[in-house]
């Protein structure tokens, strides 16, 4: 069902400040540097900064698990007791993301690459 956690996204209020901090921490420059998202690649892990995350209700980082079929995975997780937090949507280039919430309120993201 999953090939592992591939992305973690932090909601940030000041994108420029967060970008400087994560460049220093990670020791790499971002491969995506836009006003709506800054992304860093560390081998097989992507670390993202989302300046709109707080406005979408995020109060903590969200991890994204790479799946082959996001709709099928969403259905299976809902059947197992999860609640859809965000339905699948295209975030560019055919990459789909979605998220679910478990019974304890923990949010888990799903991602499907094109």
PDB file of N, CA and C in Angstrom:
ATOM      1  N   UNK A   1       0.824  -1.192   0.000  1.00  0.00           N
ATOM      2  CA  UNK A   1       0.000   0.000   0.000  1.00  0.00           C
ATOM      3  C   UNK A   1       0.865   1.252   0.000  1.00  0.00           C
ATOM      4  N   UNK A   2       1.992   1.250   0.733  1.00  0.00           N
ATOM      5  CA  UNK A   2       2.841   2.436   0.810  1.00  0.00           C
ATOM      6  C   UNK A   2       4.293   2.062   0.524  1.00  0.00           C
ATOM      7  N   UNK A   3       5.033   3.010  -0.003  1.00  0.00           N
ATOM      8  CA  UNK A   3       6.461   2.787  -0.218  1.00  0.00           C
ATOM      9  C   UNK A   3       7.285   3.613   0.764  1.00  0.00           C
ATOM     10  N   UNK A   4       6.649   4.081   1.841  1.00  0.00           N
ATOM     11  CA  UNK A   4       7.354   4.786   2.893  1.00  0.00           C
ATOM     12  C   UNK A   4       7.028   6.259   2.961  1.00  0.00           C
ATOM     13  N   UNK A   5       7.452   6.863   4.056  1.00  0.00           N
ATOM     14  CA  UNK A   5       7.249   8.297   4.226  1.00  0.00           C
ATOM     15  C   UNK A   5       8.301   9.008   3.386  1.00  0.00           C
ATOM     16  N   UNK A   6       7.842   9.888   2.507  1.00  0.00           N
ATOM     17  CA  UNK A   6       8.751  10.559   1.587  1.00  0.00           C
ATOM     18  C   UNK A   6       8.822  12.062   1.803  1.00  0.00           C
ATOM     19  N   UNK A   7       7.809  12.637   2.481  1.00  0.00           N
ATOM     20  CA  UNK A   7       7.742  14.094   2.599  1.00  0.00           C
ATOM     21  C   UNK A   7       7.238  14.482   3.978  1.00  0.00           C
ATOM     22  N   UNK A   8       7.806  15.534   4.529  1.00  0.00           N
ATOM     23  CA  UNK A   8       7.275  16.150   5.744  1.00  0.00           C
ATOM     24  C   UNK A   8       7.170  17.647   5.462  1.00  0.00           C
ATOM     25  N   UNK A   9       5.999  18.208   5.773  1.00  0.00           N
ATOM     26  CA  UNK A   9       5.747  19.618   5.476  1.00  0.00           C
ATOM     27  C   UNK A   9       5.447  20.361   6.776  1.00  0.00           C
ATOM     28  N   UNK A  10       6.149  21.457   6.972  1.00  0.00           N
ATOM     29  CA  UNK A  10       5.976  22.297   8.150  1.00  0.00           C
ATOM     30  C   UNK A  10       5.142  23.523   7.796  1.00  0.00           C
ATOM     31  N   UNK A  11       4.076  23.797   8.554  1.00  0.00           N
ATOM     32  CA  UNK A  11       3.372  25.062   8.351  1.00  0.00           C
ATOM     33  C   UNK A  11       4.226  26.179   8.960  1.00  0.00           C
ATOM     34  N   UNK A  12       4.434  27.253   8.209  1.00  0.00           N
ATOM     35  CA  UNK A  12       5.275  28.353   8.693  1.00  0.00           C
ATOM     36  C   UNK A  12       4.560  29.682   8.502  1.00  0.00           C
ATOM     37  N   UNK A  13       4.831  30.614   9.380  1.00  0.00           N
ATOM     38  CA  UNK A  13       4.228  31.942   9.278  1.00  0.00           C
ATOM     39  C   UNK A  13       5.111  32.897   8.490  1.00  0.00           C
ATOM     40  N   UNK A  14       6.428  32.790   8.644  1.00  0.00           N
ATOM     41  CA  UNK A  14       7.369  33.656   7.943  1.00  0.00           C
ATOM     42  C   UNK A  14       8.237  32.764   7.055  1.00  0.00           C
ATOM     43  N   UNK A  15       7.893  32.710   5.772  1.00  0.00           N
ATOM     44  CA  UNK A  15       8.564  31.799   4.854  1.00  0.00           C
ATOM     45  C   UNK A  15      10.053  32.108   4.709  1.00  0.00           C
ATOM     46  N   UNK A  16      10.405  33.370   4.606  1.00  0.00           N
ATOM     47  CA  UNK A  16      11.818  33.748   4.443  1.00  0.00           C
ATOM     48  C   UNK A  16      12.639  33.337   5.668  1.00  0.00           C
ATOM     49  N   UNK A  17      12.095  33.579   6.841  1.00  0.00           N
ATOM     50  CA  UNK A  17      12.792  33.207   8.073  1.00  0.00           C
ATOM     51  C   UNK A  17      12.934  31.691   8.176  1.00  0.00           C
ATOM     52  N   UNK A  18      11.861  30.970   7.887  1.00  0.00           N
ATOM     53  CA  UNK A  18      11.896  29.505   7.955  1.00  0.00           C
ATOM     54  C   UNK A  18      12.862  28.942   6.916  1.00  0.00           C
ATOM     55  N   UNK A  19      12.870  29.522   5.726  1.00  0.00           N
ATOM     56  CA  UNK A  19      13.775  29.059   4.670  1.00  0.00           C
ATOM     57  C   UNK A  19      15.227  29.193   5.120  1.00  0.00           C
ATOM     58  N   UNK A  20      15.590  30.326   5.710  1.00  0.00           N
ATOM     59  CA  UNK A  20      16.960  30.526   6.190  1.00  0.00           C
ATOM     60  C   UNK A  20      17.316  29.502   7.258  1.00  0.00           C
ATOM     61  N   UNK A  21      16.392  29.252   8.175  1.00  0.00           N
ATOM     62  CA  UNK A  21      16.641  28.285   9.245  1.00  0.00           C
ATOM     63  C   UNK A  21      16.848  26.887   8.673  1.00  0.00           C
ATOM     64  N   UNK A  22      15.971  26.439   7.761  1.00  0.00           N
ATOM     65  CA  UNK A  22      16.073  25.084   7.227  1.00  0.00           C
ATOM     66  C   UNK A  22      17.239  24.928   6.263  1.00  0.00           C
ATOM     67  N   UNK A  23      17.631  25.989   5.549  1.00  0.00           N
ATOM     68  CA  UNK A  23      18.850  25.925   4.737  1.00  0.00           C
ATOM     69  C   UNK A  23      20.051  25.661   5.638  1.00  0.00           C
ATOM     70  N   UNK A  24      20.083  26.341   6.776  1.00  0.00           N
ATOM     71  CA  UNK A  24      21.179  26.155   7.728  1.00  0.00           C
ATOM     72  C   UNK A  24      21.144  24.758   8.336  1.00  0.00           C
ATOM     73  N   UNK A  25      19.981  24.334   8.782  1.00  0.00           N
ATOM     74  CA  UNK A  25      19.833  23.017   9.408  1.00  0.00           C
ATOM     75  C   UNK A  25      20.169  21.890   8.447  1.00  0.00           C
ATOM     76  N   UNK A  26      19.627  21.960   7.234  1.00  0.00           N
ATOM     77  CA  UNK A  26      19.759  20.855   6.284  1.00  0.00           C
ATOM     78  C   UNK A  26      21.037  20.916   5.461  1.00  0.00           C
ATOM     79  N   UNK A  27      21.631  22.103   5.361  1.00  0.00           N
ATOM     80  CA  UNK A  27      22.888  22.243   4.617  1.00  0.00           C
ATOM     81  C   UNK A  27      22.719  22.183   3.110  1.00  0.00           C
ATOM     82  N   UNK A  28      21.503  22.427   2.623  1.00  0.00           N
ATOM     83  CA  UNK A  28      21.244  22.448   1.183  1.00  0.00           C
ATOM     84  C   UNK A  28      20.323  23.610   0.857  1.00  0.00           C
ATOM     85  N   UNK A  29      20.387  24.047  -0.412  1.00  0.00           N
ATOM     86  CA  UNK A  29      19.465  25.080  -0.875  1.00  0.00           C
ATOM     87  C   UNK A  29      18.187  24.403  -1.356  1.00  0.00           C
ATOM     88  N   UNK A  30      17.073  25.121  -1.346  1.00  0.00           N
ATOM     89  CA  UNK A  30      15.824  24.522  -1.806  1.00  0.00           C
ATOM     90  C   UNK A  30      15.854  24.224  -3.305  1.00  0.00           C
ATOM     91  N   UNK A  31      15.166  23.153  -3.701  1.00  0.00           N
ATOM     92  CA  UNK A  31      15.021  22.853  -5.119  1.00  0.00           C
ATOM     93  C   UNK A  31      13.748  23.507  -5.663  1.00  0.00           C
ATOM     94  N   UNK A  32      12.815  23.847  -4.752  1.00  0.00           N
ATOM     95  CA  UNK A  32      11.628  24.632  -5.089  1.00  0.00           C
ATOM     96  C   UNK A  32      11.635  25.827  -4.153  1.00  0.00           C
ATOM     97  N   UNK A  33      11.523  27.025  -4.714  1.00  0.00           N
ATOM     98  CA  UNK A  33      11.548  28.234  -3.900  1.00  0.00           C
ATOM     99  C   UNK A  33      10.505  29.199  -4.452  1.00  0.00           C
ATOM    100  N   UNK A  34       9.259  28.993  -4.049  1.00  0.00           N
ATOM    101  CA  UNK A  34       8.139  29.796  -4.517  1.00  0.00           C
ATOM    102  C   UNK A  34       7.464  30.449  -3.319  1.00  0.00           C
ATOM    103  N   UNK A  35       6.617  31.432  -3.576  1.00  0.00           N
ATOM    104  CA  UNK A  35       5.928  32.116  -2.481  1.00  0.00           C
ATOM    105  C   UNK A  35       4.906  31.220  -1.788  1.00  0.00           C
ATOM    106  N   UNK A  36       4.498  30.142  -2.425  1.00  0.00           N
ATOM    107  CA  UNK A  36       3.499  29.232  -1.861  1.00  0.00           C
ATOM    108  C   UNK A  36       4.106  27.957  -1.281  1.00  0.00           C
ATOM    109  N   UNK A  37       5.423  27.712  -1.513  1.00  0.00           N
ATOM    110  CA  UNK A  37       6.055  26.473  -1.021  1.00  0.00           C
ATOM    111  C   UNK A  37       7.555  26.558  -1.244  1.00  0.00           C
ATOM    112  N   UNK A  38       8.298  26.093  -0.244  1.00  0.00           N
ATOM    113  CA  UNK A  38       9.741  25.933  -0.379  1.00  0.00           C
ATOM    114  C   UNK A  38      10.038  24.478  -0.046  1.00  0.00           C
ATOM    115  N   UNK A  39      10.758  23.798  -0.939  1.00  0.00           N
ATOM    116  CA  UNK A  39      11.052  22.383  -0.732  1.00  0.00           C
ATOM    117  C   UNK A  39      12.529  22.082  -0.815  1.00  0.00           C
ATOM    118  N   UNK A  40      12.991  21.253   0.105  1.00  0.00           N
ATOM    119  CA  UNK A  40      14.380  20.800   0.155  1.00  0.00           C
ATOM    120  C   UNK A  40      14.394  19.293  -0.071  1.00  0.00           C
ATOM    121  N   UNK A  41      15.414  18.795  -0.752  1.00  0.00           N
ATOM    122  CA  UNK A  41      15.561  17.342  -0.940  1.00  0.00           C
ATOM    123  C   UNK A  41      16.788  16.865  -0.184  1.00  0.00           C
ATOM    124  N   UNK A  42      16.573  15.824   0.606  1.00  0.00           N
ATOM    125  CA  UNK A  42      17.654  15.150   1.322  1.00  0.00           C
ATOM    126  C   UNK A  42      17.558  13.669   0.987  1.00  0.00           C
ATOM    127  N   UNK A  43      18.345  13.233   0.024  1.00  0.00           N
ATOM    128  CA  UNK A  43      18.266  11.867  -0.478  1.00  0.00           C
ATOM    129  C   UNK A  43      16.826  11.561  -0.872  1.00  0.00           C
ATOM    130  N   UNK A  44      16.153  10.640  -0.175  1.00  0.00           N
ATOM    131  CA  UNK A  44      14.788  10.277  -0.573  1.00  0.00           C
ATOM    132  C   UNK A  44      13.715  11.016   0.227  1.00  0.00           C
ATOM    133  N   UNK A  45      14.102  11.966   1.083  1.00  0.00           N
ATOM    134  CA  UNK A  45      13.148  12.710   1.896  1.00  0.00           C
ATOM    135  C   UNK A  45      13.032  14.151   1.404  1.00  0.00           C
ATOM    136  N   UNK A  46      11.793  14.630   1.294  1.00  0.00           N
ATOM    137  CA  UNK A  46      11.555  16.034   0.987  1.00  0.00           C
ATOM    138  C   UNK A  46      11.086  16.728   2.256  1.00  0.00           C
ATOM    139  N   UNK A  47      11.683  17.870   2.556  1.00  0.00           N
ATOM    140  CA  UNK A  47      11.265  18.712   3.670  1.00  0.00           C
ATOM    141  C   UNK A  47      10.668  19.970   3.046  1.00  0.00           C
ATOM    142  N   UNK A  48       9.386  20.217   3.350  1.00  0.00           N
ATOM    143  CA  UNK A  48       8.693  21.340   2.755  1.00  0.00           C
ATOM    144  C   UNK A  48       8.268  22.366   3.783  1.00  0.00           C
ATOM    145  N   UNK A  49       8.161  23.606   3.332  1.00  0.00           N
ATOM    146  CA  UNK A  49       7.678  24.716   4.156  1.00  0.00           C
ATOM    147  C   UNK A  49       6.442  25.287   3.478  1.00  0.00           C
ATOM    148  N   UNK A  50       5.329  25.336   4.207  1.00  0.00           N
ATOM    149  CA  UNK A  50       4.053  25.781   3.639  1.00  0.00           C
ATOM    150  C   UNK A  50       3.564  27.021   4.380  1.00  0.00           C
ATOM    151  N   UNK A  51       3.635  28.198   3.734  1.00  0.00           N
ATOM    152  CA  UNK A  51       3.180  29.416   4.394  1.00  0.00           C
ATOM    153  C   UNK A  51       1.661  29.503   4.521  1.00  0.00           C
ATOM    154  N   UNK A  52       0.937  28.599   3.889  1.00  0.00           N
ATOM    155  CA  UNK A  52      -0.525  28.577   3.971  1.00  0.00           C
ATOM    156  C   UNK A  52      -1.040  27.504   4.919  1.00  0.00           C
ATOM    157  N   UNK A  53      -0.139  26.742   5.509  1.00  0.00           N
ATOM    158  CA  UNK A  53      -0.530  25.627   6.367  1.00  0.00           C
ATOM    159  C   UNK A  53      -1.361  26.022   7.573  1.00  0.00           C
ATOM    160  N   UNK A  54      -0.968  27.092   8.247  1.00  0.00           N
ATOM    161  CA  UNK A  54      -1.724  27.522   9.430  1.00  0.00           C
ATOM    162  C   UNK A  54      -3.147  27.925   9.036  1.00  0.00           C
ATOM    163  N   UNK A  55      -3.289  28.569   7.883  1.00  0.00           N
ATOM    164  CA  UNK A  55      -4.602  28.968   7.398  1.00  0.00           C
ATOM    165  C   UNK A  55      -5.490  27.784   7.049  1.00  0.00           C
ATOM    166  N   UNK A  56      -4.868  26.612   6.842  1.00  0.00           N
ATOM    167  CA  UNK A  56      -5.614  25.391   6.555  1.00  0.00           C
ATOM    168  C   UNK A  56      -5.812  24.556   7.818  1.00  0.00           C
ATOM    169  N   UNK A  57      -5.481  25.139   8.958  1.00  0.00           N
ATOM    170  CA  UNK A  57      -5.707  24.454  10.226  1.00  0.00           C
ATOM    171  C   UNK A  57      -4.559  23.607  10.727  1.00  0.00           C
ATOM    172  N   UNK A  58      -3.420  23.624  10.052  1.00  0.00           N
ATOM    173  CA  UNK A  58      -2.283  22.827  10.516  1.00  0.00           C
ATOM    174  C   UNK A  58      -1.605  23.534  11.687  1.00  0.00           C
ATOM    175  N   UNK A  59      -1.343  22.782  12.728  1.00  0.00           N
ATOM    176  CA  UNK A  59      -0.649  23.324  13.887  1.00  0.00           C
ATOM    177  C   UNK A  59       0.669  22.603  14.136  1.00  0.00           C
ATOM    178  N   UNK A  60       0.957  21.609  13.314  1.00  0.00           N
ATOM    179  CA  UNK A  60       2.175  20.814  13.451  1.00  0.00           C
ATOM    180  C   UNK A  60       2.569  20.294  12.071  1.00  0.00           C
ATOM    181  N   UNK A  61       3.788  19.782  11.930  1.00  0.00           N
ATOM    182  CA  UNK A  61       4.182  19.212  10.638  1.00  0.00           C
ATOM    183  C   UNK A  61       3.266  18.054  10.259  1.00  0.00           C
ATOM    184  N   UNK A  62       3.150  17.812   8.975  1.00  0.00           N
ATOM    185  CA  UNK A  62       2.386  16.677   8.477  1.00  0.00           C
ATOM    186  C   UNK A  62       3.309  15.813   7.617  1.00  0.00           C
ATOM    187  N   UNK A  63       3.275  14.518   7.879  1.00  0.00           N
ATOM    188  CA  UNK A  63       4.072  13.581   7.101  1.00  0.00           C
ATOM    189  C   UNK A  63       3.229  13.019   5.969  1.00  0.00           C
ATOM    190  N   UNK A  64       3.853  12.818   4.821  1.00  0.00           N
ATOM    191  CA  UNK A  64       3.166  12.286   3.649  1.00  0.00           C
ATOM    192  C   UNK A  64       3.779  10.942   3.276  1.00  0.00           C
ATOM    193  N   UNK A  65       2.934   9.932   3.221  1.00  0.00           N
ATOM    194  CA  UNK A  65       3.334   8.584   2.844  1.00  0.00           C
ATOM    195  C   UNK A  65       3.037   8.393   1.365  1.00  0.00           C
ATOM    196  N   UNK A  66       4.024   7.927   0.629  1.00  0.00           N
ATOM    197  CA  UNK A  66       3.874   7.707  -0.810  1.00  0.00           C
ATOM    198  C   UNK A  66       3.069   6.430  -1.047  1.00  0.00           C
ATOM    199  N   UNK A  67       2.005   6.552  -1.836  1.00  0.00           N
ATOM    200  CA  UNK A  67       1.138   5.410  -2.150  1.00  0.00           C
ATOM    201  C   UNK A  67       0.980   5.294  -3.660  1.00  0.00           C
ATOM    202  N   UNK A  68       0.624   4.108  -4.123  1.00  0.00           N
ATOM    203  CA  UNK A  68       0.431   3.877  -5.554  1.00  0.00           C
ATOM    204  C   UNK A  68      -0.901   4.413  -6.046  1.00  0.00           C
ATOM    205  N   UNK A  69      -1.956   4.255  -5.241  1.00  0.00           N
ATOM    206  CA  UNK A  69      -3.305   4.653  -5.641  1.00  0.00           C
ATOM    207  C   UNK A  69      -3.944   5.413  -4.479  1.00  0.00           C
ATOM    208  N   UNK A  70      -3.940   6.739  -4.557  1.00  0.00           N
ATOM    209  CA  UNK A  70      -4.375   7.562  -3.435  1.00  0.00           C
ATOM    210  C   UNK A  70      -5.855   7.366  -3.113  1.00  0.00           C
ATOM    211  N   UNK A  71      -6.704   7.230  -4.136  1.00  0.00           N
ATOM    212  CA  UNK A  71      -8.142   7.054  -3.890  1.00  0.00           C
ATOM    213  C   UNK A  71      -8.421   5.712  -3.208  1.00  0.00           C
ATOM    214  N   UNK A  72      -7.770   4.666  -3.676  1.00  0.00           N
ATOM    215  CA  UNK A  72      -7.939   3.331  -3.079  1.00  0.00           C
ATOM    216  C   UNK A  72      -7.446   3.336  -1.628  1.00  0.00           C
ATOM    217  N   UNK A  73      -6.329   4.005  -1.383  1.00  0.00           N
ATOM    218  CA  UNK A  73      -5.777   4.076  -0.028  1.00  0.00           C
ATOM    219  C   UNK A  73      -6.706   4.868   0.885  1.00  0.00           C
ATOM    220  N   UNK A  74      -7.251   5.986   0.388  1.00  0.00           N
ATOM    221  CA  UNK A  74      -8.207   6.762   1.181  1.00  0.00           C
ATOM    222  C   UNK A  74      -9.414   5.906   1.569  1.00  0.00           C
ATOM    223  N   UNK A  75      -9.953   5.169   0.614  1.00  0.00           N
ATOM    224  CA  UNK A  75     -11.107   4.294   0.892  1.00  0.00           C
ATOM    225  C   UNK A  75     -10.772   3.272   1.970  1.00  0.00           C
ATOM    226  N   UNK A  76      -9.596   2.653   1.857  1.00  0.00           N
ATOM    227  CA  UNK A  76      -9.186   1.636   2.827  1.00  0.00           C
ATOM    228  C   UNK A  76      -9.012   2.240   4.218  1.00  0.00           C
ATOM    229  N   UNK A  77      -8.436   3.428   4.294  1.00  0.00           N
ATOM    230  CA  UNK A  77      -8.220   4.056   5.596  1.00  0.00           C
ATOM    231  C   UNK A  77      -9.537   4.494   6.232  1.00  0.00           C
ATOM    232  N   UNK A  78     -10.462   4.996   5.431  1.00  0.00           N
ATOM    233  CA  UNK A  78     -11.785   5.367   5.952  1.00  0.00           C
ATOM    234  C   UNK A  78     -12.495   4.112   6.474  1.00  0.00           C
ATOM    235  N   UNK A  79     -12.392   3.017   5.741  1.00  0.00           N
ATOM    236  CA  UNK A  79     -12.992   1.758   6.187  1.00  0.00           C
ATOM    237  C   UNK A  79     -12.366   1.274   7.496  1.00  0.00           C
ATOM    238  N   UNK A  80     -11.110   1.655   7.727  1.00  0.00           N
ATOM    239  CA  UNK A  80     -10.414   1.263   8.954  1.00  0.00           C
ATOM    240  C   UNK A  80     -10.632   2.251  10.093  1.00  0.00           C
ATOM    241  N   UNK A  81     -11.446   3.313   9.856  1.00  0.00           N
ATOM    242  CA  UNK A  81     -11.782   4.237  10.930  1.00  0.00           C
ATOM    243  C   UNK A  81     -11.254   5.647  10.802  1.00  0.00           C
ATOM    244  N   UNK A  82     -10.505   5.939   9.752  1.00  0.00           N
ATOM    245  CA  UNK A  82      -9.980   7.290   9.573  1.00  0.00           C
ATOM    246  C   UNK A  82     -11.067   8.213   9.033  1.00  0.00           C
ATOM    247  N   UNK A  83     -10.853   9.503   9.207  1.00  0.00           N
ATOM    248  CA  UNK A  83     -11.736  10.536   8.665  1.00  0.00           C
ATOM    249  C   UNK A  83     -10.930  11.340   7.651  1.00  0.00           C
ATOM    250  N   UNK A  84     -11.502  11.584   6.483  1.00  0.00           N
ATOM    251  CA  UNK A  84     -10.795  12.369   5.472  1.00  0.00           C
ATOM    252  C   UNK A  84     -10.672  13.804   5.968  1.00  0.00           C
ATOM    253  N   UNK A  85      -9.460  14.274   6.070  1.00  0.00           N
ATOM    254  CA  UNK A  85      -9.168  15.661   6.459  1.00  0.00           C
ATOM    255  C   UNK A  85      -9.154  16.535   5.219  1.00  0.00           C
ATOM    256  N   UNK A  86      -8.502  16.034   4.167  1.00  0.00           N
ATOM    257  CA  UNK A  86      -8.418  16.750   2.891  1.00  0.00           C
ATOM    258  C   UNK A  86      -8.519  15.719   1.777  1.00  0.00           C
ATOM    259  N   UNK A  87      -9.508  15.840   0.904  1.00  0.00           N
ATOM    260  CA  UNK A  87      -9.608  14.912  -0.227  1.00  0.00           C
ATOM    261  C   UNK A  87      -8.405  15.062  -1.156  1.00  0.00           C
ATOM    262  N   UNK A  88      -8.207  14.096  -2.013  1.00  0.00           N
ATOM    263  CA  UNK A  88      -7.096  14.136  -2.964  1.00  0.00           C
ATOM    264  C   UNK A  88      -7.217  15.355  -3.864  1.00  0.00           C
ATOM    265  N   UNK A  89      -6.065  16.019  -4.071  1.00  0.00           N
ATOM    266  CA  UNK A  89      -6.026  17.159  -4.988  1.00  0.00           C
ATOM    267  C   UNK A  89      -4.660  17.211  -5.650  1.00  0.00           C
ATOM    268  N   UNK A  90      -4.637  17.752  -6.834  1.00  0.00           N
ATOM    269  CA  UNK A  90      -3.404  17.891  -7.604  1.00  0.00           C
ATOM    270  C   UNK A  90      -2.694  19.156  -7.139  1.00  0.00           C
ATOM    271  N   UNK A  91      -1.425  19.013  -6.741  1.00  0.00           N
ATOM    272  CA  UNK A  91      -0.658  20.174  -6.287  1.00  0.00           C
ATOM    273  C   UNK A  91       0.365  20.618  -7.331  1.00  0.00           C
ATOM    274  N   UNK A  92       0.224  20.094  -8.532  1.00  0.00           N
ATOM    275  CA  UNK A  92       1.097  20.491  -9.626  1.00  0.00           C
ATOM    276  C   UNK A  92       1.824  19.321 -10.240  1.00  0.00           C
ATOM    277  N   UNK A  93       1.876  19.317 -11.543  1.00  0.00           N
ATOM    278  CA  UNK A  93       2.617  18.277 -12.249  1.00  0.00           C
ATOM    279  C   UNK A  93       2.038  16.888 -12.106  1.00  0.00           C
ATOM    280  N   UNK A  94       0.785  16.798 -11.720  1.00  0.00           N
ATOM    281  CA  UNK A  94       0.154  15.490 -11.556  1.00  0.00           C
ATOM    282  C   UNK A  94       0.358  14.845 -10.199  1.00  0.00           C
ATOM    283  N   UNK A  95       1.084  15.503  -9.291  1.00  0.00           N
ATOM    284  CA  UNK A  95       1.266  14.964  -7.943  1.00  0.00           C
ATOM    285  C   UNK A  95      -0.007  15.203  -7.139  1.00  0.00           C
ATOM    286  N   UNK A  96      -0.517  14.137  -6.540  1.00  0.00           N
ATOM    287  CA  UNK A  96      -1.730  14.209  -5.737  1.00  0.00           C
ATOM    288  C   UNK A  96      -1.382  14.101  -4.265  1.00  0.00           C
ATOM    289  N   UNK A  97      -2.085  14.884  -3.429  1.00  0.00           N
ATOM    290  CA  UNK A  97      -1.951  14.738  -1.986  1.00  0.00           C
ATOM    291  C   UNK A  97      -3.342  14.698  -1.361  1.00  0.00           C
ATOM    292  N   UNK A  98      -3.412  14.092  -0.196  1.00  0.00           N
ATOM    293  CA  UNK A  98      -4.641  14.020   0.598  1.00  0.00           C
ATOM    294  C   UNK A  98      -4.204  13.812   2.034  1.00  0.00           C
ATOM    295  N   UNK A  99      -5.147  13.938   2.970  1.00  0.00           N
ATOM    296  CA  UNK A  99      -4.803  13.632   4.359  1.00  0.00           C
ATOM    297  C   UNK A  99      -6.011  13.071   5.084  1.00  0.00           C
ATOM    298  N   UNK A 100      -5.706  12.292   6.118  1.00  0.00           N
ATOM    299  CA  UNK A 100      -6.733  11.686   6.961  1.00  0.00           C
ATOM    300  C   UNK A 100      -6.399  11.977   8.415  1.00  0.00           C
ATOM    301  N   UNK A 101      -7.427  11.850   9.258  1.00  0.00           N
ATOM    302  CA  UNK A 101      -7.260  12.051  10.692  1.00  0.00           C
ATOM    303  C   UNK A 101      -7.670  10.758  11.373  1.00  0.00           C
ATOM    304  N   UNK A 102      -6.864  10.307  12.342  1.00  0.00           N
ATOM    305  CA  UNK A 102      -7.229   9.106  13.077  1.00  0.00           C
ATOM    306  C   UNK A 102      -8.115   9.476  14.268  1.00  0.00           C
ATOM    307  N   UNK A 103      -8.535   8.477  15.044  1.00  0.00           N
ATOM    308  CA  UNK A 103      -9.460   8.694  16.160  1.00  0.00           C
ATOM    309  C   UNK A 103      -8.875   9.613  17.236  1.00  0.00           C
ATOM    310  N   UNK A 104      -7.543   9.734  17.284  1.00  0.00           N
ATOM    311  CA  UNK A 104      -6.899  10.594  18.278  1.00  0.00           C
ATOM    312  C   UNK A 104      -6.624  11.989  17.748  1.00  0.00           C
ATOM    313  N   UNK A 105      -7.034  12.259  16.507  1.00  0.00           N
ATOM    314  CA  UNK A 105      -6.831  13.577  15.929  1.00  0.00           C
ATOM    315  C   UNK A 105      -5.518  13.753  15.200  1.00  0.00           C
ATOM    316  N   UNK A 106      -4.719  12.687  15.099  1.00  0.00           N
ATOM    317  CA  UNK A 106      -3.450  12.771  14.377  1.00  0.00           C
ATOM    318  C   UNK A 106      -3.703  12.813  12.879  1.00  0.00           C
ATOM    319  N   UNK A 107      -3.025  13.717  12.192  1.00  0.00           N
ATOM    320  CA  UNK A 107      -3.200  13.871  10.757  1.00  0.00           C
ATOM    321  C   UNK A 107      -2.042  13.178  10.037  1.00  0.00           C
ATOM    322  N   UNK A 108      -2.390  12.390   9.026  1.00  0.00           N
ATOM    323  CA  UNK A 108      -1.403  11.699   8.202  1.00  0.00           C
ATOM    324  C   UNK A 108      -1.686  12.041   6.748  1.00  0.00           C
ATOM    325  N   UNK A 109      -0.636  12.387   6.028  1.00  0.00           N
ATOM    326  CA  UNK A 109      -0.779  12.729   4.620  1.00  0.00           C
ATOM    327  C   UNK A 109      -0.479  11.555   3.717  1.00  0.00           C
ATOM    328  N   UNK A 110      -1.077  11.600   2.546  1.00  0.00           N
ATOM    329  CA  UNK A 110      -0.830  10.615   1.489  1.00  0.00           C
ATOM    330  C   UNK A 110      -0.389  11.380   0.259  1.00  0.00           C
ATOM    331  N   UNK A 111       0.505  10.801  -0.509  1.00  0.00           N
ATOM    332  CA  UNK A 111       0.970  11.416  -1.746  1.00  0.00           C
ATOM    333  C   UNK A 111       1.070  10.351  -2.826  1.00  0.00           C
ATOM    334  N   UNK A 112       0.679  10.733  -4.024  1.00  0.00           N
ATOM    335  CA  UNK A 112       0.803   9.855  -5.187  1.00  0.00           C
ATOM    336  C   UNK A 112       1.537  10.626  -6.261  1.00  0.00           C
ATOM    337  N   UNK A 113       2.701  10.111  -6.645  1.00  0.00           N
ATOM    338  CA  UNK A 113       3.487  10.764  -7.691  1.00  0.00           C
ATOM    339  C   UNK A 113       2.946  10.396  -9.058  1.00  0.00           C
ATOM    340  N   UNK A 114       3.128  11.292 -10.022  1.00  0.00           N
ATOM    341  CA  UNK A 114       2.636  10.996 -11.379  1.00  0.00           C
ATOM    342  C   UNK A 114       3.388   9.847 -12.017  1.00  0.00           C
TER     343      UNK A 114
END
